[in-house]
Amino acid sequence: MQNSEKLKNLLELEIIPDLEIAIDEMFEVIDKAKKATPTQKEELEELREMRTDCFAIVDELSRDEIEQEEIDALLEELMELKSV
């Protein structure tokens, strides 16, 4: 399997679902409190931005618009983050 396929699978099968779970959990916490704190708003926005970025990377991978070096670097970085 090529690194581009590995990266796409990692994003679609692990990273994006994890982000969506975290977003849902954040909404639950905010809903229970009836109001979001500034920190919660900031964290929610960061999670949404990360999810958007991940979808954009998947889209670029599908259109073969990412250089191999960038694919390798992204895959390495995300694998490190997943292992932390």
N, C-alpha and C. Protein backbone atom coordinates (compact mmCIF):
# COMPACT_ATOMS: atom_id res chain seq x y z
N MET A 1 0.85 -1.18 0.00
CA MET A 1 0.00 0.00 0.00
C MET A 1 0.90 1.24 0.00
N GLN A 2 0.58 2.16 -0.88
CA GLN A 2 1.36 3.40 -0.97
C GLN A 2 1.03 4.31 0.21
N ASN A 3 1.96 5.22 0.50
CA ASN A 3 1.75 6.16 1.60
C ASN A 3 0.53 7.05 1.38
N SER A 4 0.21 7.35 0.12
CA SER A 4 -0.98 8.16 -0.13
C SER A 4 -2.24 7.41 0.29
N GLU A 5 -2.29 6.11 0.03
CA GLU A 5 -3.42 5.30 0.46
C GLU A 5 -3.46 5.17 1.98
N LYS A 6 -2.29 5.00 2.58
CA LYS A 6 -2.20 4.90 4.04
C LYS A 6 -2.70 6.18 4.69
N LEU A 7 -2.27 7.32 4.14
CA LEU A 7 -2.68 8.61 4.67
C LEU A 7 -4.19 8.80 4.54
N LYS A 8 -4.72 8.49 3.38
CA LYS A 8 -6.16 8.62 3.15
C LYS A 8 -6.94 7.72 4.10
N ASN A 9 -6.51 6.48 4.26
CA ASN A 9 -7.18 5.56 5.18
C ASN A 9 -7.09 6.04 6.62
N LEU A 10 -5.92 6.51 7.01
CA LEU A 10 -5.74 7.01 8.37
C LEU A 10 -6.70 8.18 8.64
N LEU A 11 -6.78 9.08 7.69
CA LEU A 11 -7.68 10.23 7.85
C LEU A 11 -9.14 9.80 7.88
N GLU A 12 -9.55 8.99 6.91
CA GLU A 12 -10.96 8.62 6.79
C GLU A 12 -11.43 7.65 7.86
N LEU A 13 -10.55 6.74 8.27
CA LEU A 13 -10.98 5.68 9.19
C LEU A 13 -10.67 5.96 10.66
N GLU A 14 -9.73 6.86 10.91
CA GLU A 14 -9.35 7.11 12.30
C GLU A 14 -9.44 8.58 12.71
N ILE A 15 -8.71 9.43 12.02
CA ILE A 15 -8.58 10.82 12.45
C ILE A 15 -9.92 11.56 12.37
N ILE A 16 -10.57 11.53 11.21
CA ILE A 16 -11.84 12.25 11.05
C ILE A 16 -12.91 11.72 12.01
N PRO A 17 -13.09 10.39 12.11
CA PRO A 17 -14.07 9.91 13.09
C PRO A 17 -13.74 10.32 14.53
N ASP A 18 -12.46 10.30 14.88
CA ASP A 18 -12.06 10.74 16.23
C ASP A 18 -12.40 12.21 16.45
N LEU A 19 -12.16 13.03 15.44
CA LEU A 19 -12.49 14.46 15.54
C LEU A 19 -13.99 14.66 15.68
N GLU A 20 -14.77 13.89 14.92
CA GLU A 20 -16.22 14.02 14.99
C GLU A 20 -16.75 13.60 16.36
N ILE A 21 -16.16 12.57 16.94
CA ILE A 21 -16.54 12.16 18.30
C ILE A 21 -16.21 13.27 19.29
N ALA A 22 -15.02 13.84 19.16
CA ALA A 22 -14.61 14.92 20.07
C ALA A 22 -15.53 16.13 19.93
N ILE A 23 -15.93 16.45 18.71
CA ILE A 23 -16.86 17.57 18.48
C ILE A 23 -18.20 17.27 19.12
N ASP A 24 -18.70 16.05 18.93
CA ASP A 24 -19.98 15.66 19.53
C ASP A 24 -19.92 15.73 21.06
N GLU A 25 -18.82 15.25 21.61
CA GLU A 25 -18.65 15.29 23.08
C GLU A 25 -18.62 16.72 23.59
N MET A 26 -17.95 17.60 22.84
CA MET A 26 -17.88 19.00 23.23
C MET A 26 -19.27 19.63 23.21
N PHE A 27 -20.06 19.30 22.19
CA PHE A 27 -21.44 19.81 22.13
C PHE A 27 -22.27 19.31 23.31
N GLU A 28 -22.06 18.05 23.71
CA GLU A 28 -22.79 17.51 24.85
C GLU A 28 -22.45 18.27 26.14
N VAL A 29 -21.17 18.55 26.33
CA VAL A 29 -20.72 19.28 27.52
C VAL A 29 -21.33 20.69 27.51
N ILE A 30 -21.29 21.33 26.37
CA ILE A 30 -21.83 22.69 26.24
C ILE A 30 -23.34 22.67 26.47
N ASP A 31 -24.01 21.67 25.92
CA ASP A 31 -25.46 21.55 26.07
C ASP A 31 -25.86 21.37 27.54
N LYS A 32 -25.11 20.55 28.26
CA LYS A 32 -25.41 20.33 29.68
C LYS A 32 -25.22 21.60 30.50
N ALA A 33 -24.21 22.38 30.13
CA ALA A 33 -23.92 23.62 30.86
C ALA A 33 -24.82 24.76 30.37
N LYS A 34 -25.50 24.56 29.25
CA LYS A 34 -26.39 25.55 28.64
C LYS A 34 -25.65 26.76 28.06
N LYS A 35 -24.33 26.79 28.19
CA LYS A 35 -23.55 27.89 27.65
C LYS A 35 -22.09 27.45 27.51
N ALA A 36 -21.46 27.89 26.43
CA ALA A 36 -20.06 27.54 26.20
C ALA A 36 -19.15 28.61 26.79
N THR A 37 -18.10 28.15 27.42
CA THR A 37 -17.08 29.07 27.92
C THR A 37 -16.22 29.50 26.73
N PRO A 38 -15.49 30.59 26.87
CA PRO A 38 -14.59 31.00 25.78
C PRO A 38 -13.60 29.91 25.40
N THR A 39 -13.11 29.18 26.39
CA THR A 39 -12.17 28.08 26.13
C THR A 39 -12.84 26.98 25.33
N GLN A 40 -14.07 26.65 25.68
CA GLN A 40 -14.80 25.62 24.95
C GLN A 40 -15.08 26.06 23.52
N LYS A 41 -15.43 27.31 23.34
CA LYS A 41 -15.67 27.83 21.99
C LYS A 41 -14.41 27.73 21.14
N GLU A 42 -13.28 28.08 21.74
CA GLU A 42 -12.01 28.03 21.03
C GLU A 42 -11.65 26.59 20.68
N GLU A 43 -11.82 25.69 21.63
CA GLU A 43 -11.51 24.28 21.40
C GLU A 43 -12.41 23.69 20.31
N LEU A 44 -13.69 24.03 20.35
CA LEU A 44 -14.63 23.56 19.35
C LEU A 44 -14.24 24.06 17.96
N GLU A 45 -13.87 25.32 17.87
CA GLU A 45 -13.45 25.90 16.60
C GLU A 45 -12.19 25.20 16.08
N GLU A 46 -11.24 24.90 16.95
CA GLU A 46 -10.02 24.21 16.55
C GLU A 46 -10.34 22.81 16.03
N LEU A 47 -11.23 22.10 16.71
CA LEU A 47 -11.62 20.76 16.27
C LEU A 47 -12.28 20.81 14.90
N ARG A 48 -13.15 21.77 14.71
CA ARG A 48 -13.82 21.93 13.41
C ARG A 48 -12.82 22.26 12.30
N GLU A 49 -11.86 23.13 12.60
CA GLU A 49 -10.84 23.48 11.61
C GLU A 49 -9.99 22.26 11.25
N MET A 50 -9.63 21.48 12.25
CA MET A 50 -8.85 20.27 11.99
C MET A 50 -9.63 19.31 11.10
N ARG A 51 -10.92 19.15 11.39
CA ARG A 51 -11.76 18.26 10.58
C ARG A 51 -11.84 18.77 9.14
N THR A 52 -12.02 20.07 8.98
CA THR A 52 -12.07 20.66 7.64
C THR A 52 -10.76 20.44 6.90
N ASP A 53 -9.65 20.64 7.60
CA ASP A 53 -8.33 20.42 7.00
C ASP A 53 -8.16 18.96 6.56
N CYS A 54 -8.63 18.04 7.40
CA CYS A 54 -8.53 16.62 7.06
C CYS A 54 -9.35 16.29 5.82
N PHE A 55 -10.56 16.82 5.74
CA PHE A 55 -11.38 16.59 4.55
C PHE A 55 -10.70 17.17 3.31
N ALA A 56 -10.06 18.32 3.46
CA ALA A 56 -9.36 18.95 2.33
C ALA A 56 -8.19 18.09 1.87
N ILE A 57 -7.47 17.51 2.81
CA ILE A 57 -6.35 16.64 2.46
C ILE A 57 -6.86 15.40 1.72
N VAL A 58 -7.93 14.80 2.21
CA VAL A 58 -8.51 13.64 1.54
C VAL A 58 -8.92 14.00 0.12
N ASP A 59 -9.52 15.16 -0.04
CA ASP A 59 -9.94 15.62 -1.36
C ASP A 59 -8.72 15.80 -2.28
N GLU A 60 -7.68 16.42 -1.76
CA GLU A 60 -6.47 16.63 -2.55
C GLU A 60 -5.81 15.30 -2.92
N LEU A 61 -5.84 14.35 -1.99
CA LEU A 61 -5.30 13.02 -2.28
C LEU A 61 -6.10 12.36 -3.40
N SER A 62 -7.39 12.50 -3.37
CA SER A 62 -8.26 11.90 -4.39
C SER A 62 -7.98 12.48 -5.78
N ARG A 63 -7.59 13.75 -5.80
CA ARG A 63 -7.29 14.42 -7.07
C ARG A 63 -5.80 14.36 -7.41
N ASP A 64 -5.03 13.64 -6.59
CA ASP A 64 -3.59 13.48 -6.81
C ASP A 64 -2.89 14.83 -6.89
N GLU A 65 -3.22 15.72 -5.93
CA GLU A 65 -2.67 17.08 -5.94
C GLU A 65 -1.62 17.33 -4.85
N ILE A 66 -1.20 16.29 -4.16
CA ILE A 66 -0.22 16.45 -3.10
C ILE A 66 1.07 15.74 -3.51
N GLU A 67 2.17 16.45 -3.34
CA GLU A 67 3.48 15.88 -3.66
C GLU A 67 3.80 14.74 -2.70
N GLN A 68 4.58 13.78 -3.17
CA GLN A 68 4.93 12.62 -2.36
C GLN A 68 5.64 13.00 -1.06
N GLU A 69 6.50 14.00 -1.12
CA GLU A 69 7.22 14.43 0.10
C GLU A 69 6.24 14.93 1.16
N GLU A 70 5.23 15.68 0.71
CA GLU A 70 4.24 16.21 1.65
C GLU A 70 3.40 15.07 2.22
N ILE A 71 3.05 14.10 1.37
CA ILE A 71 2.29 12.94 1.84
C ILE A 71 3.08 12.21 2.92
N ASP A 72 4.35 11.97 2.66
CA ASP A 72 5.19 11.26 3.63
C ASP A 72 5.29 12.02 4.94
N ALA A 73 5.45 13.34 4.86
CA ALA A 73 5.58 14.16 6.07
C ALA A 73 4.27 14.17 6.86
N LEU A 74 3.13 14.32 6.15
CA LEU A 74 1.83 14.31 6.83
C LEU A 74 1.57 12.97 7.50
N LEU A 75 1.86 11.90 6.79
CA LEU A 75 1.64 10.56 7.34
C LEU A 75 2.49 10.35 8.59
N GLU A 76 3.74 10.74 8.52
CA GLU A 76 4.63 10.60 9.67
C GLU A 76 4.13 11.41 10.87
N GLU A 77 3.74 12.65 10.60
CA GLU A 77 3.26 13.53 11.67
C GLU A 77 1.98 12.98 12.32
N LEU A 78 1.05 12.53 11.49
CA LEU A 78 -0.21 12.01 12.03
C LEU A 78 0.01 10.70 12.78
N MET A 79 0.91 9.87 12.31
CA MET A 79 1.21 8.63 13.02
C MET A 79 1.81 8.92 14.39
N GLU A 80 2.67 9.93 14.46
CA GLU A 80 3.24 10.34 15.75
C GLU A 80 2.16 10.84 16.68
N LEU A 81 1.23 11.65 16.16
CA LEU A 81 0.15 12.17 16.99
C LEU A 81 -0.76 11.06 17.49
N LYS A 82 -1.01 10.06 16.65
CA LYS A 82 -1.88 8.96 17.05
C LYS A 82 -1.24 8.11 18.15
N SER A 83 0.09 8.06 18.18
CA SER A 83 0.77 7.22 19.15
C SER A 83 0.96 7.92 20.50
N VAL A 84 0.67 9.20 20.57
CA VAL A 84 0.84 9.95 21.82
C VAL A 84 -0.34 9.74 22.73
